[in-house]
């Protein structure tokens, strides 16, 4: 991997980039909330949002907006933002462009923990904690299998992640077969589905995503220094091993929150940081917040496409987008 320092964006560029992507996210939220079996025009959506936020009485289609569609859209924003930030952080800390929560098996581990609780009939508030344990176990196993001395070669890391993810997915399937009465719920979960999201689920996910993604944003400066190389980073006072543990822990926390109630939504953490890097630069102080905004936009729009076409599941849409991108990236990395 290159040891060149990431280019530093002009100081005035980031606020404009944040504003532009925030506007794009707002547009996605309005479209995701307004389009469906009952069409709600953008003006009505914005009016409903204002009345709800200002404490006014809800009228007309406001109930559809606030009780049915908005929780699903907000969950999409949280999940997409979380996966986008985690992907950028994983790629930075491992200095590996192929690293993301899905390919490292973290998402599969989180899904296994959540599946065990669902099939076992456990209380829903237990799902995020079980997902966190599964995610931490999966990423630890992947790193142990991939390590070659002090190095984590890209190919070994991806292969180890694929193996760990496949094994955990097989165990999830075995649990699914044992819990046939909950098969439909778990099958939808494994394919990625925002349809079970309500305000209670959103409230349960917020602490995980907020703490995990917030910690990663605070580590952006250290991640930038790490791109200069481990020896240089150590000489500049960055505790490299502690940084890796912090990033892995925070990313696992955020990923667990992301998959806890909506399942595996693949390739968001791989695709989004690369698009941001190509468009806006590689510095993590830019990459991570912009990946959060673009990730939220991508998942909301992918869910909208899933709801309005036969694709039906948001995870299917992101996989159809991310699969070809991964093959292109793999070829580009090999070259």
C-alpha atoms as a PDB file:
ATOM      1  CA  UNK A   1       0.000   0.000   0.000  1.00  0.00           C
ATOM      2  CA  UNK A   2       1.127   3.508  -0.633  1.00  0.00           C
ATOM      3  CA  UNK A   3       2.638   5.413   2.254  1.00  0.00           C
ATOM      4  CA  UNK A   4       1.947   8.822   0.706  1.00  0.00           C
ATOM      5  CA  UNK A   5       0.176  11.308   2.931  1.00  0.00           C
ATOM      6  CA  UNK A   6      -3.491  11.849   2.066  1.00  0.00           C
ATOM      7  CA  UNK A   7      -4.068  15.156   0.315  1.00  0.00           C
ATOM      8  CA  UNK A   8      -5.346  17.824   2.642  1.00  0.00           C
ATOM      9  CA  UNK A   9      -8.485  19.549   1.356  1.00  0.00           C
ATOM     10  CA  UNK A  10      -8.754  23.313   1.349  1.00  0.00           C
ATOM     11  CA  UNK A  11     -10.175  24.566   4.651  1.00  0.00           C
ATOM     12  CA  UNK A  12     -13.132  26.196   2.923  1.00  0.00           C
ATOM     13  CA  UNK A  13     -14.103  23.085   0.945  1.00  0.00           C
ATOM     14  CA  UNK A  14     -15.430  20.824   3.711  1.00  0.00           C
ATOM     15  CA  UNK A  15     -18.391  22.992   4.844  1.00  0.00           C
ATOM     16  CA  UNK A  16     -19.560  23.301   1.243  1.00  0.00           C
ATOM     17  CA  UNK A  17     -19.147  19.545   0.681  1.00  0.00           C
ATOM     18  CA  UNK A  18     -21.048  18.791   3.883  1.00  0.00           C
ATOM     19  CA  UNK A  19     -23.826  21.190   2.908  1.00  0.00           C
ATOM     20  CA  UNK A  20     -24.104  19.704  -0.573  1.00  0.00           C
ATOM     21  CA  UNK A  21     -24.335  16.106   0.632  1.00  0.00           C
ATOM     22  CA  UNK A  22     -26.678  17.109   3.484  1.00  0.00           C
ATOM     23  CA  UNK A  23     -28.994  18.639   0.884  1.00  0.00           C
ATOM     24  CA  UNK A  24     -28.806  15.440  -1.161  1.00  0.00           C
ATOM     25  CA  UNK A  25     -29.671  13.440   1.953  1.00  0.00           C
ATOM     26  CA  UNK A  26     -32.653  15.708   2.688  1.00  0.00           C
ATOM     27  CA  UNK A  27     -33.882  15.181  -0.865  1.00  0.00           C
ATOM     28  CA  UNK A  28     -33.587  11.411  -0.418  1.00  0.00           C
ATOM     29  CA  UNK A  29     -35.490  11.612   2.876  1.00  0.00           C
ATOM     30  CA  UNK A  30     -38.319  13.602   1.264  1.00  0.00           C
ATOM     31  CA  UNK A  31     -38.529  11.153  -1.663  1.00  0.00           C
ATOM     32  CA  UNK A  32     -38.326   8.111   0.612  1.00  0.00           C
ATOM     33  CA  UNK A  33     -41.058   9.487   2.848  1.00  0.00           C
ATOM     34  CA  UNK A  34     -43.357  10.699   0.093  1.00  0.00           C
ATOM     35  CA  UNK A  35     -43.278   7.854  -2.450  1.00  0.00           C
ATOM     36  CA  UNK A  36     -45.226   4.662  -1.872  1.00  0.00           C
ATOM     37  CA  UNK A  37     -48.717   3.174  -2.219  1.00  0.00           C
ATOM     38  CA  UNK A  38     -50.092   6.539  -1.056  1.00  0.00           C
ATOM     39  CA  UNK A  39     -48.253   9.400  -2.765  1.00  0.00           C
ATOM     40  CA  UNK A  40     -47.457  12.349  -0.508  1.00  0.00           C
ATOM     41  CA  UNK A  41     -46.172  15.415  -2.432  1.00  0.00           C
ATOM     42  CA  UNK A  42     -42.836  16.907  -1.265  1.00  0.00           C
ATOM     43  CA  UNK A  43     -44.568  20.045   0.022  1.00  0.00           C
ATOM     44  CA  UNK A  44     -46.866  17.948   2.213  1.00  0.00           C
ATOM     45  CA  UNK A  45     -43.898  15.905   3.474  1.00  0.00           C
ATOM     46  CA  UNK A  46     -42.014  19.040   4.490  1.00  0.00           C
ATOM     47  CA  UNK A  47     -45.181  20.457   6.076  1.00  0.00           C
ATOM     48  CA  UNK A  48     -45.747  17.246   8.018  1.00  0.00           C
ATOM     49  CA  UNK A  49     -42.138  17.276   9.223  1.00  0.00           C
ATOM     50  CA  UNK A  50     -42.491  20.876  10.381  1.00  0.00           C
ATOM     51  CA  UNK A  51     -45.795  20.236  12.184  1.00  0.00           C
ATOM     52  CA  UNK A  52     -44.387  17.183  13.924  1.00  0.00           C
ATOM     53  CA  UNK A  53     -41.135  18.850  14.945  1.00  0.00           C
ATOM     54  CA  UNK A  54     -42.891  22.007  16.158  1.00  0.00           C
ATOM     55  CA  UNK A  55     -45.425  20.058  18.213  1.00  0.00           C
ATOM     56  CA  UNK A  56     -48.454  21.005  16.115  1.00  0.00           C
ATOM     57  CA  UNK A  57     -51.417  18.678  15.599  1.00  0.00           C
ATOM     58  CA  UNK A  58     -50.909  16.150  12.786  1.00  0.00           C
ATOM     59  CA  UNK A  59     -53.418  16.386   9.933  1.00  0.00           C
ATOM     60  CA  UNK A  60     -54.194  14.415   6.750  1.00  0.00           C
ATOM     61  CA  UNK A  61     -51.259  12.376   5.521  1.00  0.00           C
ATOM     62  CA  UNK A  62     -49.097  13.467   8.464  1.00  0.00           C
ATOM     63  CA  UNK A  63     -49.899  10.185  10.215  1.00  0.00           C
ATOM     64  CA  UNK A  64     -48.588   8.190   7.242  1.00  0.00           C
ATOM     65  CA  UNK A  65     -45.438  10.291   7.251  1.00  0.00           C
ATOM     66  CA  UNK A  66     -44.722  10.099  10.976  1.00  0.00           C
ATOM     67  CA  UNK A  67     -46.018   6.680  11.968  1.00  0.00           C
ATOM     68  CA  UNK A  68     -45.262   4.533   8.918  1.00  0.00           C
ATOM     69  CA  UNK A  69     -42.632   5.947   6.585  1.00  0.00           C
ATOM     70  CA  UNK A  70     -40.404   8.279   8.569  1.00  0.00           C
ATOM     71  CA  UNK A  71     -39.175   5.636  11.093  1.00  0.00           C
ATOM     72  CA  UNK A  72     -38.123   3.434   8.170  1.00  0.00           C
ATOM     73  CA  UNK A  73     -36.352   6.324   6.433  1.00  0.00           C
ATOM     74  CA  UNK A  74     -34.595   7.465   9.618  1.00  0.00           C
ATOM     75  CA  UNK A  75     -33.426   3.891  10.229  1.00  0.00           C
ATOM     76  CA  UNK A  76     -32.062   3.865   6.669  1.00  0.00           C
ATOM     77  CA  UNK A  77     -30.135   7.062   7.360  1.00  0.00           C
ATOM     78  CA  UNK A  78     -28.671   5.639  10.576  1.00  0.00           C
ATOM     79  CA  UNK A  79     -27.708   2.332   8.977  1.00  0.00           C
ATOM     80  CA  UNK A  80     -26.206   3.902   5.861  1.00  0.00           C
ATOM     81  CA  UNK A  81     -24.272   6.507   7.844  1.00  0.00           C
ATOM     82  CA  UNK A  82     -22.948   3.853  10.192  1.00  0.00           C
ATOM     83  CA  UNK A  83     -21.817   1.486   7.439  1.00  0.00           C
ATOM     84  CA  UNK A  84     -20.259   4.327   5.433  1.00  0.00           C
ATOM     85  CA  UNK A  85     -18.204   5.593   8.369  1.00  0.00           C
ATOM     86  CA  UNK A  86     -17.193   2.069   9.426  1.00  0.00           C
ATOM     87  CA  UNK A  87     -16.065   1.187   5.898  1.00  0.00           C
ATOM     88  CA  UNK A  88     -13.898   4.296   5.682  1.00  0.00           C
ATOM     89  CA  UNK A  89     -12.398   3.647   9.112  1.00  0.00           C
ATOM     90  CA  UNK A  90     -11.684  -0.048   8.423  1.00  0.00           C
ATOM     91  CA  UNK A  91     -10.006   0.819   5.122  1.00  0.00           C
ATOM     92  CA  UNK A  92      -7.919   3.457   6.878  1.00  0.00           C
ATOM     93  CA  UNK A  93      -6.825   1.476   9.910  1.00  0.00           C
ATOM     94  CA  UNK A  94      -5.919  -1.629   7.892  1.00  0.00           C
ATOM     95  CA  UNK A  95      -4.655   0.508   4.978  1.00  0.00           C
ATOM     96  CA  UNK A  96      -6.598  -1.857   2.795  1.00  0.00           C
ATOM     97  CA  UNK A  97      -9.099  -0.652   0.154  1.00  0.00           C
ATOM     98  CA  UNK A  98     -11.058  -3.929   0.309  1.00  0.00           C
ATOM     99  CA  UNK A  99     -11.885  -3.745   4.022  1.00  0.00           C
ATOM    100  CA  UNK A 100     -15.492  -3.149   5.038  1.00  0.00           C
ATOM    101  CA  UNK A 101     -17.874  -4.507   7.709  1.00  0.00           C
ATOM    102  CA  UNK A 102     -19.458  -6.913   5.215  1.00  0.00           C
ATOM    103  CA  UNK A 103     -16.289  -8.411   3.737  1.00  0.00           C
ATOM    104  CA  UNK A 104     -14.560  -8.738   7.126  1.00  0.00           C
ATOM    105  CA  UNK A 105     -17.430 -10.847   8.474  1.00  0.00           C
ATOM    106  CA  UNK A 106     -18.427  -8.215  11.050  1.00  0.00           C
ATOM    107  CA  UNK A 107     -21.921  -7.837   9.617  1.00  0.00           C
ATOM    108  CA  UNK A 108     -22.390 -11.635   9.470  1.00  0.00           C
ATOM    109  CA  UNK A 109     -21.295 -11.938  13.097  1.00  0.00           C
ATOM    110  CA  UNK A 110     -23.720  -9.230  14.145  1.00  0.00           C
ATOM    111  CA  UNK A 111     -26.476 -10.889  12.144  1.00  0.00           C
ATOM    112  CA  UNK A 112     -25.775 -14.247  13.806  1.00  0.00           C
ATOM    113  CA  UNK A 113     -26.095 -12.720  17.258  1.00  0.00           C
ATOM    114  CA  UNK A 114     -29.357 -11.043  16.318  1.00  0.00           C
ATOM    115  CA  UNK A 115     -30.694 -14.181  14.618  1.00  0.00           C
ATOM    116  CA  UNK A 116     -30.016 -16.244  17.731  1.00  0.00           C
ATOM    117  CA  UNK A 117     -32.118 -13.857  19.802  1.00  0.00           C
ATOM    118  CA  UNK A 118     -34.942 -13.721  17.222  1.00  0.00           C
ATOM    119  CA  UNK A 119     -35.130 -17.509  16.759  1.00  0.00           C
ATOM    120  CA  UNK A 120     -34.787 -18.093  20.490  1.00  0.00           C
ATOM    121  CA  UNK A 121     -37.687 -15.759  21.195  1.00  0.00           C
ATOM    122  CA  UNK A 122     -35.534 -13.453  23.303  1.00  0.00           C
ATOM    123  CA  UNK A 123     -36.563  -9.884  24.130  1.00  0.00           C
ATOM    124  CA  UNK A 124     -36.003  -7.414  21.290  1.00  0.00           C
ATOM    125  CA  UNK A 125     -33.965  -4.991  23.453  1.00  0.00           C
ATOM    126  CA  UNK A 126     -31.397  -7.800  23.737  1.00  0.00           C
ATOM    127  CA  UNK A 127     -30.815  -7.894  19.958  1.00  0.00           C
ATOM    128  CA  UNK A 128     -28.245  -5.039  19.665  1.00  0.00           C
ATOM    129  CA  UNK A 129     -26.109  -6.441  22.510  1.00  0.00           C
ATOM    130  CA  UNK A 130     -26.142  -9.903  20.946  1.00  0.00           C
ATOM    131  CA  UNK A 131     -25.244  -8.374  17.580  1.00  0.00           C
ATOM    132  CA  UNK A 132     -22.314  -6.554  19.183  1.00  0.00           C
ATOM    133  CA  UNK A 133     -20.937  -9.764  20.687  1.00  0.00           C
ATOM    134  CA  UNK A 134     -21.273 -11.520  17.338  1.00  0.00           C
ATOM    135  CA  UNK A 135     -19.565  -8.652  15.484  1.00  0.00           C
ATOM    136  CA  UNK A 136     -16.619  -8.512  17.880  1.00  0.00           C
ATOM    137  CA  UNK A 137     -16.159 -12.295  17.723  1.00  0.00           C
ATOM    138  CA  UNK A 138     -16.254 -12.272  13.924  1.00  0.00           C
ATOM    139  CA  UNK A 139     -13.741  -9.466  13.392  1.00  0.00           C
ATOM    140  CA  UNK A 140     -11.365 -10.958  15.965  1.00  0.00           C
ATOM    141  CA  UNK A 141     -11.467 -14.335  14.218  1.00  0.00           C
ATOM    142  CA  UNK A 142     -10.942 -12.726  10.807  1.00  0.00           C
ATOM    143  CA  UNK A 143      -7.893 -10.780  11.989  1.00  0.00           C
ATOM    144  CA  UNK A 144      -6.371 -13.857  13.629  1.00  0.00           C
ATOM    145  CA  UNK A 145      -6.767 -15.894  10.435  1.00  0.00           C
ATOM    146  CA  UNK A 146      -5.460 -13.126   8.174  1.00  0.00           C
ATOM    147  CA  UNK A 147      -2.443 -12.029  10.172  1.00  0.00           C
ATOM    148  CA  UNK A 148       0.936 -12.838   8.648  1.00  0.00           C
ATOM    149  CA  UNK A 149       3.444 -11.762  11.252  1.00  0.00           C
ATOM    150  CA  UNK A 150       2.675  -8.079  11.859  1.00  0.00           C
ATOM    151  CA  UNK A 151       1.084  -7.650   8.441  1.00  0.00           C
ATOM    152  CA  UNK A 152      -2.486  -8.015   7.210  1.00  0.00           C
ATOM    153  CA  UNK A 153      -2.119  -8.730   3.478  1.00  0.00           C
ATOM    154  CA  UNK A 154      -5.200  -7.572   1.522  1.00  0.00           C
ATOM    155  CA  UNK A 155      -5.869 -10.938  -0.109  1.00  0.00           C
ATOM    156  CA  UNK A 156      -5.585 -12.882   3.169  1.00  0.00           C
ATOM    157  CA  UNK A 157      -7.805 -10.362   4.910  1.00  0.00           C
ATOM    158  CA  UNK A 158     -10.560 -10.645   2.317  1.00  0.00           C
ATOM    159  CA  UNK A 159     -10.318 -14.438   2.111  1.00  0.00           C
ATOM    160  CA  UNK A 160     -10.419 -14.766   5.903  1.00  0.00           C
ATOM    161  CA  UNK A 161     -13.410 -12.429   6.033  1.00  0.00           C
ATOM    162  CA  UNK A 162     -15.221 -14.400   3.343  1.00  0.00           C
ATOM    163  CA  UNK A 163     -14.567 -17.676   5.193  1.00  0.00           C
ATOM    164  CA  UNK A 164     -15.687 -16.297   8.552  1.00  0.00           C
ATOM    165  CA  UNK A 165     -18.725 -14.631   7.013  1.00  0.00           C
ATOM    166  CA  UNK A 166     -19.711 -17.813   5.155  1.00  0.00           C
ATOM    167  CA  UNK A 167     -19.394 -19.982   8.253  1.00  0.00           C
ATOM    168  CA  UNK A 168     -21.419 -17.563  10.360  1.00  0.00           C
ATOM    169  CA  UNK A 169     -24.062 -17.268   7.636  1.00  0.00           C
ATOM    170  CA  UNK A 170     -24.305 -21.068   7.547  1.00  0.00           C
ATOM    171  CA  UNK A 171     -24.840 -21.132  11.305  1.00  0.00           C
ATOM    172  CA  UNK A 172     -27.514 -18.452  10.946  1.00  0.00           C
ATOM    173  CA  UNK A 173     -29.222 -20.608   8.298  1.00  0.00           C
ATOM    174  CA  UNK A 174     -29.098 -23.617  10.618  1.00  0.00           C
ATOM    175  CA  UNK A 175     -30.753 -21.539  13.336  1.00  0.00           C
ATOM    176  CA  UNK A 176     -33.331 -20.415  10.786  1.00  0.00           C
ATOM    177  CA  UNK A 177     -34.224 -24.012   9.964  1.00  0.00           C
ATOM    178  CA  UNK A 178     -34.666 -24.789  13.646  1.00  0.00           C
ATOM    179  CA  UNK A 179     -37.032 -21.869  14.102  1.00  0.00           C
ATOM    180  CA  UNK A 180     -39.435 -22.467  11.232  1.00  0.00           C
ATOM    181  CA  UNK A 181     -42.231 -20.499  12.871  1.00  0.00           C
ATOM    182  CA  UNK A 182     -40.052 -17.376  12.615  1.00  0.00           C
ATOM    183  CA  UNK A 183     -38.542 -18.315   9.235  1.00  0.00           C
ATOM    184  CA  UNK A 184     -40.109 -15.477   7.262  1.00  0.00           C
ATOM    185  CA  UNK A 185     -38.951 -12.831   9.725  1.00  0.00           C
ATOM    186  CA  UNK A 186     -35.404 -14.192   9.852  1.00  0.00           C
ATOM    187  CA  UNK A 187     -35.213 -14.721   6.069  1.00  0.00           C
ATOM    188  CA  UNK A 188     -36.191 -11.086   5.476  1.00  0.00           C
ATOM    189  CA  UNK A 189     -33.647 -10.094   8.113  1.00  0.00           C
ATOM    190  CA  UNK A 190     -30.790 -11.972   6.444  1.00  0.00           C
ATOM    191  CA  UNK A 191     -31.553 -10.268   3.115  1.00  0.00           C
ATOM    192  CA  UNK A 192     -31.589  -6.802   4.692  1.00  0.00           C
ATOM    193  CA  UNK A 193     -34.970  -5.219   5.363  1.00  0.00           C
ATOM    194  CA  UNK A 194     -35.982  -1.875   6.853  1.00  0.00           C
ATOM    195  CA  UNK A 195     -39.632  -2.914   6.981  1.00  0.00           C
ATOM    196  CA  UNK A 196     -39.588  -3.867  10.657  1.00  0.00           C
ATOM    197  CA  UNK A 197     -38.317  -0.459  11.737  1.00  0.00           C
ATOM    198  CA  UNK A 198     -40.394   1.620  14.126  1.00  0.00           C
ATOM    199  CA  UNK A 199     -39.555   4.485  16.450  1.00  0.00           C
ATOM    200  CA  UNK A 200     -38.744   2.025  19.249  1.00  0.00           C
ATOM    201  CA  UNK A 201     -36.152   0.277  17.068  1.00  0.00           C
ATOM    202  CA  UNK A 202     -34.733   3.630  15.935  1.00  0.00           C
ATOM    203  CA  UNK A 203     -34.360   4.675  19.574  1.00  0.00           C
ATOM    204  CA  UNK A 204     -32.554   1.428  20.411  1.00  0.00           C
ATOM    205  CA  UNK A 205     -30.099   1.800  17.512  1.00  0.00           C
ATOM    206  CA  UNK A 206     -29.215   5.482  18.069  1.00  0.00           C
ATOM    207  CA  UNK A 207     -26.843   4.929  21.062  1.00  0.00           C
ATOM    208  CA  UNK A 208     -24.869   2.225  19.239  1.00  0.00           C
ATOM    209  CA  UNK A 209     -24.512   4.189  16.023  1.00  0.00           C
ATOM    210  CA  UNK A 210     -23.958   7.492  17.821  1.00  0.00           C
ATOM    211  CA  UNK A 211     -21.216   6.215  20.109  1.00  0.00           C
ATOM    212  CA  UNK A 212     -19.511   4.042  17.499  1.00  0.00           C
ATOM    213  CA  UNK A 213     -19.604   6.471  14.579  1.00  0.00           C
ATOM    214  CA  UNK A 214     -18.882   9.438  16.867  1.00  0.00           C
ATOM    215  CA  UNK A 215     -15.739   7.753  18.185  1.00  0.00           C
ATOM    216  CA  UNK A 216     -14.566   6.999  14.653  1.00  0.00           C
ATOM    217  CA  UNK A 217     -15.020  10.643  13.643  1.00  0.00           C
ATOM    218  CA  UNK A 218     -12.868  11.680  16.612  1.00  0.00           C
ATOM    219  CA  UNK A 219     -10.149   9.261  15.457  1.00  0.00           C
ATOM    220  CA  UNK A 220     -10.008  10.716  11.938  1.00  0.00           C
ATOM    221  CA  UNK A 221      -6.860  12.783  12.575  1.00  0.00           C
ATOM    222  CA  UNK A 222      -4.997   9.722  13.921  1.00  0.00           C
ATOM    223  CA  UNK A 223      -6.131   7.689  10.916  1.00  0.00           C
ATOM    224  CA  UNK A 224      -4.711  10.374   8.627  1.00  0.00           C
ATOM    225  CA  UNK A 225      -1.372  10.145  10.425  1.00  0.00           C
ATOM    226  CA  UNK A 226      -1.398   6.351  10.126  1.00  0.00           C
ATOM    227  CA  UNK A 227      -1.505   6.676   6.321  1.00  0.00           C
ATOM    228  CA  UNK A 228       2.075   8.009   6.517  1.00  0.00           C
ATOM    229  CA  UNK A 229       3.192   4.546   7.630  1.00  0.00           C
ATOM    230  CA  UNK A 230       3.346   2.815  10.999  1.00  0.00           C
ATOM    231  CA  UNK A 231       6.889   3.894  11.824  1.00  0.00           C
ATOM    232  CA  UNK A 232       6.171   7.535  11.022  1.00  0.00           C
ATOM    233  CA  UNK A 233       2.879   7.411  12.923  1.00  0.00           C
ATOM    234  CA  UNK A 234       4.653   6.006  15.994  1.00  0.00           C
ATOM    235  CA  UNK A 235       7.346   8.678  15.755  1.00  0.00           C
ATOM    236  CA  UNK A 236       4.592  11.313  15.733  1.00  0.00           C
ATOM    237  CA  UNK A 237       3.093   9.890  18.916  1.00  0.00           C
ATOM    238  CA  UNK A 238       0.241   7.786  17.535  1.00  0.00           C
ATOM    239  CA  UNK A 239      -0.225   4.568  19.562  1.00  0.00           C
ATOM    240  CA  UNK A 240      -0.840   2.374  16.527  1.00  0.00           C
ATOM    241  CA  UNK A 241      -1.975  -0.825  18.252  1.00  0.00           C
ATOM    242  CA  UNK A 242      -4.272   1.081  20.609  1.00  0.00           C
ATOM    243  CA  UNK A 243      -5.666   2.992  17.642  1.00  0.00           C
ATOM    244  CA  UNK A 244      -6.449  -0.271  15.849  1.00  0.00           C
ATOM    245  CA  UNK A 245      -8.256  -1.653  18.885  1.00  0.00           C
ATOM    246  CA  UNK A 246     -10.244   1.559  19.293  1.00  0.00           C
ATOM    247  CA  UNK A 247     -11.259   1.587  15.627  1.00  0.00           C
ATOM    248  CA  UNK A 248     -12.214  -2.102  15.651  1.00  0.00           C
ATOM    249  CA  UNK A 249     -14.237  -1.672  18.853  1.00  0.00           C
ATOM    250  CA  UNK A 250     -16.008   1.486  17.679  1.00  0.00           C
ATOM    251  CA  UNK A 251     -16.694   0.112  14.190  1.00  0.00           C
ATOM    252  CA  UNK A 252     -18.030  -3.151  15.639  1.00  0.00           C
ATOM    253  CA  UNK A 253     -20.316  -1.169  17.968  1.00  0.00           C
ATOM    254  CA  UNK A 254     -21.683   0.919  15.100  1.00  0.00           C
ATOM    255  CA  UNK A 255     -22.023  -2.101  12.781  1.00  0.00           C
ATOM    256  CA  UNK A 256     -23.848  -4.068  15.462  1.00  0.00           C
ATOM    257  CA  UNK A 257     -26.322  -1.212  15.797  1.00  0.00           C
ATOM    258  CA  UNK A 258     -26.690  -1.064  12.024  1.00  0.00           C
ATOM    259  CA  UNK A 259     -27.482  -4.754  11.531  1.00  0.00           C
ATOM    260  CA  UNK A 260     -29.379  -5.338  14.787  1.00  0.00           C
ATOM    261  CA  UNK A 261     -32.879  -4.726  13.438  1.00  0.00           C
ATOM    262  CA  UNK A 262     -32.451  -4.514   9.664  1.00  0.00           C
ATOM    263  CA  UNK A 263     -30.068  -7.383   8.855  1.00  0.00           C
ATOM    264  CA  UNK A 264     -27.177  -7.496   6.438  1.00  0.00           C
ATOM    265  CA  UNK A 265     -27.066  -4.650   3.919  1.00  0.00           C
ATOM    266  CA  UNK A 266     -23.939  -5.471   1.998  1.00  0.00           C
ATOM    267  CA  UNK A 267     -21.338  -3.393   0.196  1.00  0.00           C
ATOM    268  CA  UNK A 268     -22.408   0.034   1.537  1.00  0.00           C
ATOM    269  CA  UNK A 269     -19.249   0.230   3.642  1.00  0.00           C
ATOM    270  CA  UNK A 270     -17.124  -0.697   0.636  1.00  0.00           C
ATOM    271  CA  UNK A 271     -18.746   1.393  -2.069  1.00  0.00           C
ATOM    272  CA  UNK A 272     -19.455   4.682  -0.286  1.00  0.00           C
ATOM    273  CA  UNK A 273     -15.944   5.535   1.038  1.00  0.00           C
ATOM    274  CA  UNK A 274     -14.429   4.854  -2.368  1.00  0.00           C
ATOM    275  CA  UNK A 275     -16.914   7.140  -4.109  1.00  0.00           C
ATOM    276  CA  UNK A 276     -16.218   9.869  -1.528  1.00  0.00           C
ATOM    277  CA  UNK A 277     -12.465   9.353  -1.852  1.00  0.00           C
ATOM    278  CA  UNK A 278     -12.611   9.664  -5.634  1.00  0.00           C
ATOM    279  CA  UNK A 279     -14.837  12.749  -5.531  1.00  0.00           C
ATOM    280  CA  UNK A 280     -13.557  14.681  -2.507  1.00  0.00           C
ATOM    281  CA  UNK A 281     -10.162  13.315  -1.453  1.00  0.00           C
ATOM    282  CA  UNK A 282      -8.684  10.714   0.877  1.00  0.00           C
ATOM    283  CA  UNK A 283      -8.193  12.598   4.157  1.00  0.00           C
ATOM    284  CA  UNK A 284     -10.260  10.942   6.897  1.00  0.00           C
ATOM    285  CA  UNK A 285     -11.399  14.275   8.366  1.00  0.00           C
ATOM    286  CA  UNK A 286     -13.236  14.706   5.071  1.00  0.00           C
ATOM    287  CA  UNK A 287     -13.844  11.076   4.197  1.00  0.00           C
ATOM    288  CA  UNK A 288     -15.668   9.951   7.333  1.00  0.00           C
ATOM    289  CA  UNK A 289     -18.331  12.686   7.706  1.00  0.00           C
ATOM    290  CA  UNK A 290     -19.025  12.741   3.978  1.00  0.00           C
ATOM    291  CA  UNK A 291     -19.276   8.927   3.935  1.00  0.00           C
ATOM    292  CA  UNK A 292     -21.897   9.182   6.692  1.00  0.00           C
ATOM    293  CA  UNK A 293     -24.040  11.542   4.621  1.00  0.00           C
ATOM    294  CA  UNK A 294     -23.607   9.636   1.347  1.00  0.00           C
ATOM    295  CA  UNK A 295     -24.139   6.268   3.064  1.00  0.00           C
ATOM    296  CA  UNK A 296     -27.437   7.461   4.531  1.00  0.00           C
ATOM    297  CA  UNK A 297     -28.509   8.763   1.130  1.00  0.00           C
ATOM    298  CA  UNK A 298     -27.602   5.497  -0.609  1.00  0.00           C
ATOM    299  CA  UNK A 299     -29.521   3.267   1.813  1.00  0.00           C
ATOM    300  CA  UNK A 300     -32.644   5.484   1.769  1.00  0.00           C
ATOM    301  CA  UNK A 301     -32.702   5.506  -2.046  1.00  0.00           C
ATOM    302  CA  UNK A 302     -31.930   1.768  -2.251  1.00  0.00           C
ATOM    303  CA  UNK A 303     -34.817   1.073   0.130  1.00  0.00           C
ATOM    304  CA  UNK A 304     -37.087   3.264  -1.977  1.00  0.00           C
ATOM    305  CA  UNK A 305     -36.104   1.263  -5.069  1.00  0.00           C
ATOM    306  CA  UNK A 306     -36.694  -1.994  -3.185  1.00  0.00           C
ATOM    307  CA  UNK A 307     -40.165  -0.873  -2.053  1.00  0.00           C
ATOM    308  CA  UNK A 308     -41.283   0.223  -5.508  1.00  0.00           C
ATOM    309  CA  UNK A 309     -39.845  -2.636  -7.654  1.00  0.00           C
ATOM    310  CA  UNK A 310     -39.889  -6.462  -7.503  1.00  0.00           C
ATOM    311  CA  UNK A 311     -36.419  -6.413  -5.868  1.00  0.00           C
ATOM    312  CA  UNK A 312     -38.319  -6.068  -2.553  1.00  0.00           C
ATOM    313  CA  UNK A 313     -35.285  -6.101  -0.178  1.00  0.00           C
ATOM    314  CA  UNK A 314     -32.821  -3.244   0.315  1.00  0.00           C
ATOM    315  CA  UNK A 315     -29.974  -5.742   0.780  1.00  0.00           C
ATOM    316  CA  UNK A 316     -30.619  -7.140  -2.706  1.00  0.00           C
ATOM    317  CA  UNK A 317     -30.379  -3.658  -4.231  1.00  0.00           C
ATOM    318  CA  UNK A 318     -27.097  -2.784  -2.505  1.00  0.00           C
ATOM    319  CA  UNK A 319     -25.622  -6.166  -3.426  1.00  0.00           C
ATOM    320  CA  UNK A 320     -26.528  -5.663  -7.090  1.00  0.00           C
ATOM    321  CA  UNK A 321     -24.780  -2.291  -6.927  1.00  0.00           C
ATOM    322  CA  UNK A 322     -21.814  -3.351  -4.824  1.00  0.00           C
ATOM    323  CA  UNK A 323     -20.976  -6.698  -6.451  1.00  0.00           C
ATOM    324  CA  UNK A 324     -19.768  -5.257  -9.790  1.00  0.00           C
ATOM    325  CA  UNK A 325     -18.046  -2.426  -7.928  1.00  0.00           C
ATOM    326  CA  UNK A 326     -16.167  -4.935  -5.773  1.00  0.00           C
ATOM    327  CA  UNK A 327     -14.986  -6.857  -8.848  1.00  0.00           C
ATOM    328  CA  UNK A 328     -13.769  -3.604 -10.417  1.00  0.00           C
ATOM    329  CA  UNK A 329     -12.015  -2.624  -7.196  1.00  0.00           C
ATOM    330  CA  UNK A 330     -10.423  -6.070  -6.827  1.00  0.00           C
ATOM    331  CA  UNK A 331      -9.050  -5.858 -10.361  1.00  0.00           C
ATOM    332  CA  UNK A 332      -7.831  -2.289  -9.788  1.00  0.00           C
ATOM    333  CA  UNK A 333      -6.125  -3.291  -6.512  1.00  0.00           C
ATOM    334  CA  UNK A 334      -4.438  -6.287  -8.114  1.00  0.00           C
ATOM    335  CA  UNK A 335      -3.143  -4.134 -10.991  1.00  0.00           C
END
